């Protein structure tokens, strides 16, 4: 595992926004806004000992319930997040 930091040691998080609102008619308005966030100099840990091939796909089947869409207990989309190198615990309700 390798850990690296940007050249500067000061972390920063800049946020800015600008907006304009205008009444077009009585009871009708228009508002436009722009938001920007910038992060910098945060430490990143990159585990070079693990590759995408070290992960398995899995799916979770929803319970049969008429309140759910289609209510048929269909499996969710597969997600490659289970690593072969570590144990994965699953909790059911």
PDB file of N, CA and C in Angstrom:
ATOM      1  N   UNK A   1       0.835  -1.164   0.000  1.00  0.00           N
ATOM      2  CA  UNK A   1       0.000   0.000   0.000  1.00  0.00           C
ATOM      3  C   UNK A   1       0.890   1.239   0.000  1.00  0.00           C
ATOM      4  N   UNK A   2       0.558   2.168  -0.828  1.00  0.00           N
ATOM      5  CA  UNK A   2       1.324   3.406  -0.870  1.00  0.00           C
ATOM      6  C   UNK A   2       0.423   4.570  -0.487  1.00  0.00           C
ATOM      7  N   UNK A   3       1.011   5.561   0.126  1.00  0.00           N
ATOM      8  CA  UNK A   3       0.274   6.755   0.518  1.00  0.00           C
ATOM      9  C   UNK A   3       1.030   7.958  -0.017  1.00  0.00           C
ATOM     10  N   UNK A   4       0.314   8.886  -0.597  1.00  0.00           N
ATOM     11  CA  UNK A   4       0.984  10.052  -1.162  1.00  0.00           C
ATOM     12  C   UNK A   4       0.163  11.299  -0.886  1.00  0.00           C
ATOM     13  N   UNK A   5       0.849  12.416  -0.773  1.00  0.00           N
ATOM     14  CA  UNK A   5       0.228  13.714  -0.531  1.00  0.00           C
ATOM     15  C   UNK A   5       0.733  14.678  -1.590  1.00  0.00           C
ATOM     16  N   UNK A   6      -0.084  15.643  -1.934  1.00  0.00           N
ATOM     17  CA  UNK A   6       0.355  16.661  -2.882  1.00  0.00           C
ATOM     18  C   UNK A   6       1.543  17.410  -2.311  1.00  0.00           C
ATOM     19  N   UNK A   7       2.235  18.178  -3.135  1.00  0.00           N
ATOM     20  CA  UNK A   7       3.476  18.829  -2.719  1.00  0.00           C
ATOM     21  C   UNK A   7       3.288  19.785  -1.547  1.00  0.00           C
ATOM     22  N   UNK A   8       2.200  20.499  -1.485  1.00  0.00           N
ATOM     23  CA  UNK A   8       1.954  21.413  -0.360  1.00  0.00           C
ATOM     24  C   UNK A   8       1.356  20.635   0.808  1.00  0.00           C
ATOM     25  N   UNK A   9       1.487  21.134   2.004  1.00  0.00           N
ATOM     26  CA  UNK A   9       0.977  20.429   3.172  1.00  0.00           C
ATOM     27  C   UNK A   9      -0.315  21.028   3.703  1.00  0.00           C
ATOM     28  N   UNK A  10      -0.796  22.096   3.123  1.00  0.00           N
ATOM     29  CA  UNK A  10      -2.009  22.749   3.597  1.00  0.00           C
ATOM     30  C   UNK A  10      -3.209  22.202   2.829  1.00  0.00           C
ATOM     31  N   UNK A  11      -4.169  21.634   3.562  1.00  0.00           N
ATOM     32  CA  UNK A  11      -5.397  21.149   2.930  1.00  0.00           C
ATOM     33  C   UNK A  11      -6.354  22.329   2.756  1.00  0.00           C
ATOM     34  N   UNK A  12      -7.138  22.275   1.692  1.00  0.00           N
ATOM     35  CA  UNK A  12      -8.110  23.346   1.520  1.00  0.00           C
ATOM     36  C   UNK A  12      -9.412  22.821   0.929  1.00  0.00           C
ATOM     37  N   UNK A  13     -10.467  23.535   1.203  1.00  0.00           N
ATOM     38  CA  UNK A  13     -11.790  23.254   0.705  1.00  0.00           C
ATOM     39  C   UNK A  13     -12.430  24.606   0.406  1.00  0.00           C
ATOM     40  N   UNK A  14     -12.463  24.991  -0.847  1.00  0.00           N
ATOM     41  CA  UNK A  14     -13.033  26.271  -1.237  1.00  0.00           C
ATOM     42  C   UNK A  14     -14.433  26.049  -1.784  1.00  0.00           C
ATOM     43  N   UNK A  15     -15.367  26.881  -1.348  1.00  0.00           N
ATOM     44  CA  UNK A  15     -16.728  26.803  -1.851  1.00  0.00           C
ATOM     45  C   UNK A  15     -17.190  28.198  -2.247  1.00  0.00           C
ATOM     46  N   UNK A  16     -17.862  28.275  -3.366  1.00  0.00           N
ATOM     47  CA  UNK A  16     -18.370  29.561  -3.815  1.00  0.00           C
ATOM     48  C   UNK A  16     -19.676  29.372  -4.575  1.00  0.00           C
ATOM     49  N   UNK A  17     -20.490  30.389  -4.559  1.00  0.00           N
ATOM     50  CA  UNK A  17     -21.739  30.319  -5.306  1.00  0.00           C
ATOM     51  C   UNK A  17     -22.148  31.713  -5.737  1.00  0.00           C
ATOM     52  N   UNK A  18     -22.905  31.771  -6.812  1.00  0.00           N
ATOM     53  CA  UNK A  18     -23.422  33.029  -7.334  1.00  0.00           C
ATOM     54  C   UNK A  18     -24.836  32.747  -7.820  1.00  0.00           C
ATOM     55  N   UNK A  19     -25.762  33.630  -7.559  1.00  0.00           N
ATOM     56  CA  UNK A  19     -27.138  33.403  -7.980  1.00  0.00           C
ATOM     57  C   UNK A  19     -27.843  34.691  -8.317  1.00  0.00           C
ATOM     58  N   UNK A  20     -28.847  34.580  -9.187  1.00  0.00           N
ATOM     59  CA  UNK A  20     -29.653  35.717  -9.606  1.00  0.00           C
ATOM     60  C   UNK A  20     -31.113  35.276  -9.590  1.00  0.00           C
ATOM     61  N   UNK A  21     -31.973  36.111  -9.016  1.00  0.00           N
ATOM     62  CA  UNK A  21     -33.410  35.837  -9.005  1.00  0.00           C
ATOM     63  C   UNK A  21     -34.144  37.024  -9.617  1.00  0.00           C
ATOM     64  N   UNK A  22     -35.203  36.732 -10.376  1.00  0.00           N
ATOM     65  CA  UNK A  22     -35.959  37.799 -11.025  1.00  0.00           C
ATOM     66  C   UNK A  22     -37.433  37.403 -11.089  1.00  0.00           C
ATOM     67  N   UNK A  23     -38.318  38.348 -10.758  1.00  0.00           N
ATOM     68  CA  UNK A  23     -39.750  38.109 -10.860  1.00  0.00           C
ATOM     69  C   UNK A  23     -40.192  38.411 -12.279  1.00  0.00           C
ATOM     70  N   UNK A  24     -40.728  37.398 -12.970  1.00  0.00           N
ATOM     71  CA  UNK A  24     -41.178  37.565 -14.348  1.00  0.00           C
ATOM     72  C   UNK A  24     -42.595  38.129 -14.396  1.00  0.00           C
ATOM     73  N   UNK A  25     -43.495  37.536 -13.642  1.00  0.00           N
ATOM     74  CA  UNK A  25     -44.887  37.974 -13.524  1.00  0.00           C
ATOM     75  C   UNK A  25     -45.274  37.843 -12.058  1.00  0.00           C
ATOM     76  N   UNK A  26     -46.427  38.333 -11.705  1.00  0.00           N
ATOM     77  CA  UNK A  26     -46.897  38.183 -10.332  1.00  0.00           C
ATOM     78  C   UNK A  26     -47.054  36.678 -10.035  1.00  0.00           C
ATOM     79  N   UNK A  27     -46.331  36.187  -9.062  1.00  0.00           N
ATOM     80  CA  UNK A  27     -46.392  34.773  -8.684  1.00  0.00           C
ATOM     81  C   UNK A  27     -45.496  33.863  -9.507  1.00  0.00           C
ATOM     82  N   UNK A  28     -44.750  34.427 -10.466  1.00  0.00           N
ATOM     83  CA  UNK A  28     -43.849  33.619 -11.298  1.00  0.00           C
ATOM     84  C   UNK A  28     -42.466  34.240 -11.247  1.00  0.00           C
ATOM     85  N   UNK A  29     -41.502  33.439 -10.872  1.00  0.00           N
ATOM     86  CA  UNK A  29     -40.133  33.938 -10.778  1.00  0.00           C
ATOM     87  C   UNK A  29     -39.154  32.972 -11.415  1.00  0.00           C
ATOM     88  N   UNK A  30     -37.970  33.460 -11.633  1.00  0.00           N
ATOM     89  CA  UNK A  30     -36.900  32.659 -12.212  1.00  0.00           C
ATOM     90  C   UNK A  30     -35.647  32.875 -11.374  1.00  0.00           C
ATOM     91  N   UNK A  31     -34.988  31.770 -11.026  1.00  0.00           N
ATOM     92  CA  UNK A  31     -33.753  31.866 -10.257  1.00  0.00           C
ATOM     93  C   UNK A  31     -32.715  30.954 -10.897  1.00  0.00           C
ATOM     94  N   UNK A  32     -31.519  31.489 -11.084  1.00  0.00           N
ATOM     95  CA  UNK A  32     -30.402  30.741 -11.651  1.00  0.00           C
ATOM     96  C   UNK A  32     -29.236  30.851 -10.685  1.00  0.00           C
ATOM     97  N   UNK A  33     -28.577  29.712 -10.411  1.00  0.00           N
ATOM     98  CA  UNK A  33     -27.453  29.728  -9.470  1.00  0.00           C
ATOM     99  C   UNK A  33     -26.356  28.794  -9.953  1.00  0.00           C
ATOM    100  N   UNK A  34     -25.132  29.104  -9.576  1.00  0.00           N
ATOM    101  CA  UNK A  34     -23.959  28.292  -9.897  1.00  0.00           C
ATOM    102  C   UNK A  34     -23.209  28.025  -8.596  1.00  0.00           C
ATOM    103  N   UNK A  35     -22.887  26.757  -8.345  1.00  0.00           N
ATOM    104  CA  UNK A  35     -22.167  26.365  -7.144  1.00  0.00           C
ATOM    105  C   UNK A  35     -20.878  25.665  -7.537  1.00  0.00           C
ATOM    106  N   UNK A  36     -19.811  25.946  -6.813  1.00  0.00           N
ATOM    107  CA  UNK A  36     -18.501  25.348  -7.107  1.00  0.00           C
ATOM    108  C   UNK A  36     -17.803  24.989  -5.798  1.00  0.00           C
ATOM    109  N   UNK A  37     -17.252  23.784  -5.725  1.00  0.00           N
ATOM    110  CA  UNK A  37     -16.471  23.338  -4.573  1.00  0.00           C
ATOM    111  C   UNK A  37     -15.155  22.785  -5.095  1.00  0.00           C
ATOM    112  N   UNK A  38     -14.074  23.135  -4.434  1.00  0.00           N
ATOM    113  CA  UNK A  38     -12.745  22.663  -4.834  1.00  0.00           C
ATOM    114  C   UNK A  38     -12.003  22.157  -3.596  1.00  0.00           C
ATOM    115  N   UNK A  39     -11.493  20.931  -3.681  1.00  0.00           N
ATOM    116  CA  UNK A  39     -10.726  20.337  -2.595  1.00  0.00           C
ATOM    117  C   UNK A  39      -9.279  20.203  -3.045  1.00  0.00           C
ATOM    118  N   UNK A  40      -8.339  20.311  -2.115  1.00  0.00           N
ATOM    119  CA  UNK A  40      -6.943  20.148  -2.505  1.00  0.00           C
ATOM    120  C   UNK A  40      -6.056  19.668  -1.380  1.00  0.00           C
ATOM    121  N   UNK A  41      -4.979  19.000  -1.783  1.00  0.00           N
ATOM    122  CA  UNK A  41      -3.919  18.534  -0.900  1.00  0.00           C
ATOM    123  C   UNK A  41      -4.405  17.566   0.167  1.00  0.00           C
ATOM    124  N   UNK A  42      -5.292  16.663  -0.207  1.00  0.00           N
ATOM    125  CA  UNK A  42      -5.732  15.621   0.707  1.00  0.00           C
ATOM    126  C   UNK A  42      -4.918  14.360   0.441  1.00  0.00           C
ATOM    127  N   UNK A  43      -4.648  13.608   1.485  1.00  0.00           N
ATOM    128  CA  UNK A  43      -3.870  12.373   1.364  1.00  0.00           C
ATOM    129  C   UNK A  43      -4.702  11.308   0.655  1.00  0.00           C
ATOM    130  N   UNK A  44      -4.063  10.589  -0.255  1.00  0.00           N
ATOM    131  CA  UNK A  44      -4.708   9.511  -0.992  1.00  0.00           C
ATOM    132  C   UNK A  44      -3.960   8.224  -0.694  1.00  0.00           C
ATOM    133  N   UNK A  45      -4.697   7.167  -0.339  1.00  0.00           N
ATOM    134  CA  UNK A  45      -4.084   5.858  -0.134  1.00  0.00           C
ATOM    135  C   UNK A  45      -4.445   4.995  -1.323  1.00  0.00           C
ATOM    136  N   UNK A  46      -3.444   4.478  -1.999  1.00  0.00           N
ATOM    137  CA  UNK A  46      -3.631   3.669  -3.190  1.00  0.00           C
ATOM    138  C   UNK A  46      -3.060   2.289  -2.918  1.00  0.00           C
ATOM    139  N   UNK A  47      -3.925   1.291  -2.766  1.00  0.00           N
ATOM    140  CA  UNK A  47      -3.468  -0.069  -2.499  1.00  0.00           C
ATOM    141  C   UNK A  47      -3.093  -0.710  -3.822  1.00  0.00           C
ATOM    142  N   UNK A  48      -1.813  -0.728  -4.134  1.00  0.00           N
ATOM    143  CA  UNK A  48      -1.328  -1.269  -5.408  1.00  0.00           C
ATOM    144  C   UNK A  48      -1.246  -2.789  -5.391  1.00  0.00           C
ATOM    145  N   UNK A  49      -1.511  -3.420  -4.246  1.00  0.00           N
ATOM    146  CA  UNK A  49      -1.478  -4.876  -4.154  1.00  0.00           C
ATOM    147  C   UNK A  49      -2.797  -5.513  -4.578  1.00  0.00           C
ATOM    148  N   UNK A  50      -3.826  -4.697  -4.820  1.00  0.00           N
ATOM    149  CA  UNK A  50      -5.135  -5.197  -5.215  1.00  0.00           C
ATOM    150  C   UNK A  50      -5.458  -4.688  -6.607  1.00  0.00           C
ATOM    151  N   UNK A  51      -5.918  -5.595  -7.465  1.00  0.00           N
ATOM    152  CA  UNK A  51      -6.312  -5.205  -8.825  1.00  0.00           C
ATOM    153  C   UNK A  51      -7.814  -5.443  -8.991  1.00  0.00           C
ATOM    154  N   UNK A  52      -8.422  -4.954 -10.058  1.00  0.00           N
ATOM    155  CA  UNK A  52      -9.849  -5.207 -10.277  1.00  0.00           C
ATOM    156  C   UNK A  52     -10.188  -6.700 -10.348  1.00  0.00           C
ATOM    157  N   UNK A  53      -9.239  -7.530 -10.743  1.00  0.00           N
ATOM    158  CA  UNK A  53      -9.474  -8.971 -10.821  1.00  0.00           C
ATOM    159  C   UNK A  53      -9.639  -9.604  -9.442  1.00  0.00           C
ATOM    160  N   UNK A  54      -9.268  -8.922  -8.385  1.00  0.00           N
ATOM    161  CA  UNK A  54      -9.388  -9.448  -7.025  1.00  0.00           C
ATOM    162  C   UNK A  54     -10.793  -9.288  -6.454  1.00  0.00           C
ATOM    163  N   UNK A  55     -11.741  -8.746  -7.210  1.00  0.00           N
ATOM    164  CA  UNK A  55     -13.086  -8.502  -6.720  1.00  0.00           C
ATOM    165  C   UNK A  55     -14.089  -9.372  -7.456  1.00  0.00           C
ATOM    166  N   UNK A  56     -15.107  -9.838  -6.717  1.00  0.00           N
ATOM    167  CA  UNK A  56     -16.191 -10.643  -7.267  1.00  0.00           C
ATOM    168  C   UNK A  56     -17.449  -9.793  -7.385  1.00  0.00           C
ATOM    169  N   UNK A  57     -18.322 -10.170  -8.293  1.00  0.00           N
ATOM    170  CA  UNK A  57     -19.627  -9.518  -8.402  1.00  0.00           C
ATOM    171  C   UNK A  57     -20.621 -10.272  -7.525  1.00  0.00           C
ATOM    172  N   UNK A  58     -21.594  -9.554  -7.004  1.00  0.00           N
ATOM    173  CA  UNK A  58     -22.653 -10.194  -6.230  1.00  0.00           C
ATOM    174  C   UNK A  58     -23.932  -9.414  -6.415  1.00  0.00           C
ATOM    175  N   UNK A  59     -25.045 -10.037  -6.079  1.00  0.00           N
ATOM    176  CA  UNK A  59     -26.328  -9.347  -6.169  1.00  0.00           C
ATOM    177  C   UNK A  59     -27.136  -9.647  -4.918  1.00  0.00           C
ATOM    178  N   UNK A  60     -28.034  -8.745  -4.601  1.00  0.00           N
ATOM    179  CA  UNK A  60     -28.903  -8.886  -3.441  1.00  0.00           C
ATOM    180  C   UNK A  60     -30.337  -8.906  -3.950  1.00  0.00           C
ATOM    181  N   UNK A  61     -31.095  -9.916  -3.541  1.00  0.00           N
ATOM    182  CA  UNK A  61     -32.483 -10.036  -3.966  1.00  0.00           C
ATOM    183  C   UNK A  61     -33.385  -9.328  -2.963  1.00  0.00           C
ATOM    184  N   UNK A  62     -34.219  -8.441  -3.464  1.00  0.00           N
ATOM    185  CA  UNK A  62     -35.162  -7.718  -2.604  1.00  0.00           C
ATOM    186  C   UNK A  62     -36.257  -8.675  -2.143  1.00  0.00           C
ATOM    187  N   UNK A  63     -36.817  -8.452  -0.965  1.00  0.00           N
ATOM    188  CA  UNK A  63     -37.898  -9.324  -0.498  1.00  0.00           C
ATOM    189  C   UNK A  63     -39.159  -9.138  -1.348  1.00  0.00           C
ATOM    190  N   UNK A  64     -39.994 -10.177  -1.389  1.00  0.00           N
ATOM    191  CA  UNK A  64     -41.268 -10.058  -2.104  1.00  0.00           C
ATOM    192  C   UNK A  64     -42.203  -9.210  -1.258  1.00  0.00           C
ATOM    193  N   UNK A  65     -42.587  -8.061  -1.795  1.00  0.00           N
ATOM    194  CA  UNK A  65     -43.422  -7.123  -1.055  1.00  0.00           C
ATOM    195  C   UNK A  65     -44.238  -6.326  -2.062  1.00  0.00           C
ATOM    196  N   UNK A  66     -45.552  -6.301  -1.923  1.00  0.00           N
ATOM    197  CA  UNK A  66     -46.380  -5.577  -2.904  1.00  0.00           C
ATOM    198  C   UNK A  66     -46.139  -4.063  -2.895  1.00  0.00           C
ATOM    199  N   UNK A  67     -45.521  -3.518  -1.836  1.00  0.00           N
ATOM    200  CA  UNK A  67     -45.248  -2.077  -1.789  1.00  0.00           C
ATOM    201  C   UNK A  67     -44.033  -1.692  -2.625  1.00  0.00           C
ATOM    202  N   UNK A  68     -43.201  -2.669  -2.999  1.00  0.00           N
ATOM    203  CA  UNK A  68     -42.016  -2.395  -3.820  1.00  0.00           C
ATOM    204  C   UNK A  68     -42.407  -2.387  -5.291  1.00  0.00           C
ATOM    205  N   UNK A  69     -41.636  -1.662  -6.132  1.00  0.00           N
ATOM    206  CA  UNK A  69     -41.922  -1.685  -7.571  1.00  0.00           C
ATOM    207  C   UNK A  69     -41.849  -3.120  -8.089  1.00  0.00           C
ATOM    208  N   UNK A  70     -42.860  -3.563  -8.764  1.00  0.00           N
ATOM    209  CA  UNK A  70     -43.034  -4.922  -9.291  1.00  0.00           C
ATOM    210  C   UNK A  70     -43.178  -5.954  -8.179  1.00  0.00           C
ATOM    211  N   UNK A  71     -42.729  -5.686  -6.954  1.00  0.00           N
ATOM    212  CA  UNK A  71     -42.920  -6.543  -5.802  1.00  0.00           C
ATOM    213  C   UNK A  71     -42.571  -7.998  -5.978  1.00  0.00           C
ATOM    214  N   UNK A  72     -41.721  -8.323  -6.939  1.00  0.00           N
ATOM    215  CA  UNK A  72     -41.446  -9.711  -7.269  1.00  0.00           C
ATOM    216  C   UNK A  72     -40.146 -10.243  -6.684  1.00  0.00           C
ATOM    217  N   UNK A  73     -39.423  -9.456  -5.912  1.00  0.00           N
ATOM    218  CA  UNK A  73     -38.177  -9.942  -5.333  1.00  0.00           C
ATOM    219  C   UNK A  73     -37.073 -10.116  -6.358  1.00  0.00           C
ATOM    220  N   UNK A  74     -36.965  -9.182  -7.268  1.00  0.00           N
ATOM    221  CA  UNK A  74     -35.928  -9.267  -8.302  1.00  0.00           C
ATOM    222  C   UNK A  74     -34.557  -8.935  -7.721  1.00  0.00           C
ATOM    223  N   UNK A  75     -33.513  -9.554  -8.249  1.00  0.00           N
ATOM    224  CA  UNK A  75     -32.161  -9.218  -7.767  1.00  0.00           C
ATOM    225  C   UNK A  75     -31.724  -7.842  -8.245  1.00  0.00           C
ATOM    226  N   UNK A  76     -30.912  -7.178  -7.450  1.00  0.00           N
ATOM    227  CA  UNK A  76     -30.373  -5.876  -7.833  1.00  0.00           C
ATOM    228  C   UNK A  76     -29.234  -6.072  -8.816  1.00  0.00           C
ATOM    229  N   UNK A  77     -28.772  -4.978  -9.399  1.00  0.00           N
ATOM    230  CA  UNK A  77     -27.642  -5.043 -10.319  1.00  0.00           C
ATOM    231  C   UNK A  77     -26.398  -5.511  -9.587  1.00  0.00           C
ATOM    232  N   UNK A  78     -25.545  -6.247 -10.277  1.00  0.00           N
ATOM    233  CA  UNK A  78     -24.320  -6.755  -9.677  1.00  0.00           C
ATOM    234  C   UNK A  78     -23.348  -5.618  -9.421  1.00  0.00           C
ATOM    235  N   UNK A  79     -22.668  -5.676  -8.292  1.00  0.00           N
ATOM    236  CA  UNK A  79     -21.699  -4.651  -7.916  1.00  0.00           C
ATOM    237  C   UNK A  79     -20.363  -5.305  -7.594  1.00  0.00           C
ATOM    238  N   UNK A  80     -19.281  -4.930  -8.264  1.00  0.00           N
ATOM    239  CA  UNK A  80     -17.975  -5.546  -7.982  1.00  0.00           C
ATOM    240  C   UNK A  80     -17.322  -4.939  -6.739  1.00  0.00           C
ATOM    241  N   UNK A  81     -17.861  -5.260  -5.560  1.00  0.00           N
ATOM    242  CA  UNK A  81     -17.300  -4.676  -4.348  1.00  0.00           C
ATOM    243  C   UNK A  81     -16.832  -5.715  -3.340  1.00  0.00           C
ATOM    244  N   UNK A  82     -17.018  -6.976  -3.602  1.00  0.00           N
ATOM    245  CA  UNK A  82     -16.614  -8.006  -2.656  1.00  0.00           C
ATOM    246  C   UNK A  82     -15.210  -8.483  -3.000  1.00  0.00           C
ATOM    247  N   UNK A  83     -14.274  -8.306  -2.089  1.00  0.00           N
ATOM    248  CA  UNK A  83     -12.888  -8.682  -2.347  1.00  0.00           C
ATOM    249  C   UNK A  83     -12.637 -10.123  -1.928  1.00  0.00           C
ATOM    250  N   UNK A  84     -11.889 -10.860  -2.723  1.00  0.00           N
ATOM    251  CA  UNK A  84     -11.514 -12.228  -2.374  1.00  0.00           C
ATOM    252  C   UNK A  84     -10.504 -12.255  -1.238  1.00  0.00           C
ATOM    253  N   UNK A  85      -9.821 -11.159  -1.008  1.00  0.00           N
ATOM    254  CA  UNK A  85      -8.760 -11.128  -0.001  1.00  0.00           C
ATOM    255  C   UNK A  85      -9.274 -10.817   1.401  1.00  0.00           C
ATOM    256  N   UNK A  86     -10.512 -10.433   1.528  1.00  0.00           N
ATOM    257  CA  UNK A  86     -11.029 -10.129   2.867  1.00  0.00           C
ATOM    258  C   UNK A  86     -12.396 -10.771   3.032  1.00  0.00           C
ATOM    259  N   UNK A  87     -12.807 -10.999   4.257  1.00  0.00           N
ATOM    260  CA  UNK A  87     -14.107 -11.603   4.509  1.00  0.00           C
ATOM    261  C   UNK A  87     -15.176 -10.511   4.442  1.00  0.00           C
ATOM    262  N   UNK A  88     -16.350 -10.889   4.009  1.00  0.00           N
ATOM    263  CA  UNK A  88     -17.462  -9.965   3.892  1.00  0.00           C
ATOM    264  C   UNK A  88     -18.586 -10.502   4.776  1.00  0.00           C
ATOM    265  N   UNK A  89     -19.077  -9.681   5.675  1.00  0.00           N
ATOM    266  CA  UNK A  89     -20.186 -10.098   6.527  1.00  0.00           C
ATOM    267  C   UNK A  89     -21.471  -9.481   5.993  1.00  0.00           C
ATOM    268  N   UNK A  90     -22.550 -10.217   6.103  1.00  0.00           N
ATOM    269  CA  UNK A  90     -23.836  -9.747   5.600  1.00  0.00           C
ATOM    270  C   UNK A  90     -24.848  -9.855   6.723  1.00  0.00           C
ATOM    271  N   UNK A  91     -25.641  -8.814   6.907  1.00  0.00           N
ATOM    272  CA  UNK A  91     -26.646  -8.789   7.963  1.00  0.00           C
ATOM    273  C   UNK A  91     -28.011  -8.652   7.339  1.00  0.00           C
ATOM    274  N   UNK A  92     -28.964  -9.482   7.768  1.00  0.00           N
ATOM    275  CA  UNK A  92     -30.314  -9.401   7.235  1.00  0.00           C
ATOM    276  C   UNK A  92     -31.257  -8.934   8.320  1.00  0.00           C
ATOM    277  N   UNK A  93     -32.377  -8.344   7.897  1.00  0.00           N
ATOM    278  CA  UNK A  93     -33.366  -7.858   8.857  1.00  0.00           C
ATOM    279  C   UNK A  93     -34.605  -8.683   8.753  1.00  0.00           C
TER     280      UNK A  93
END
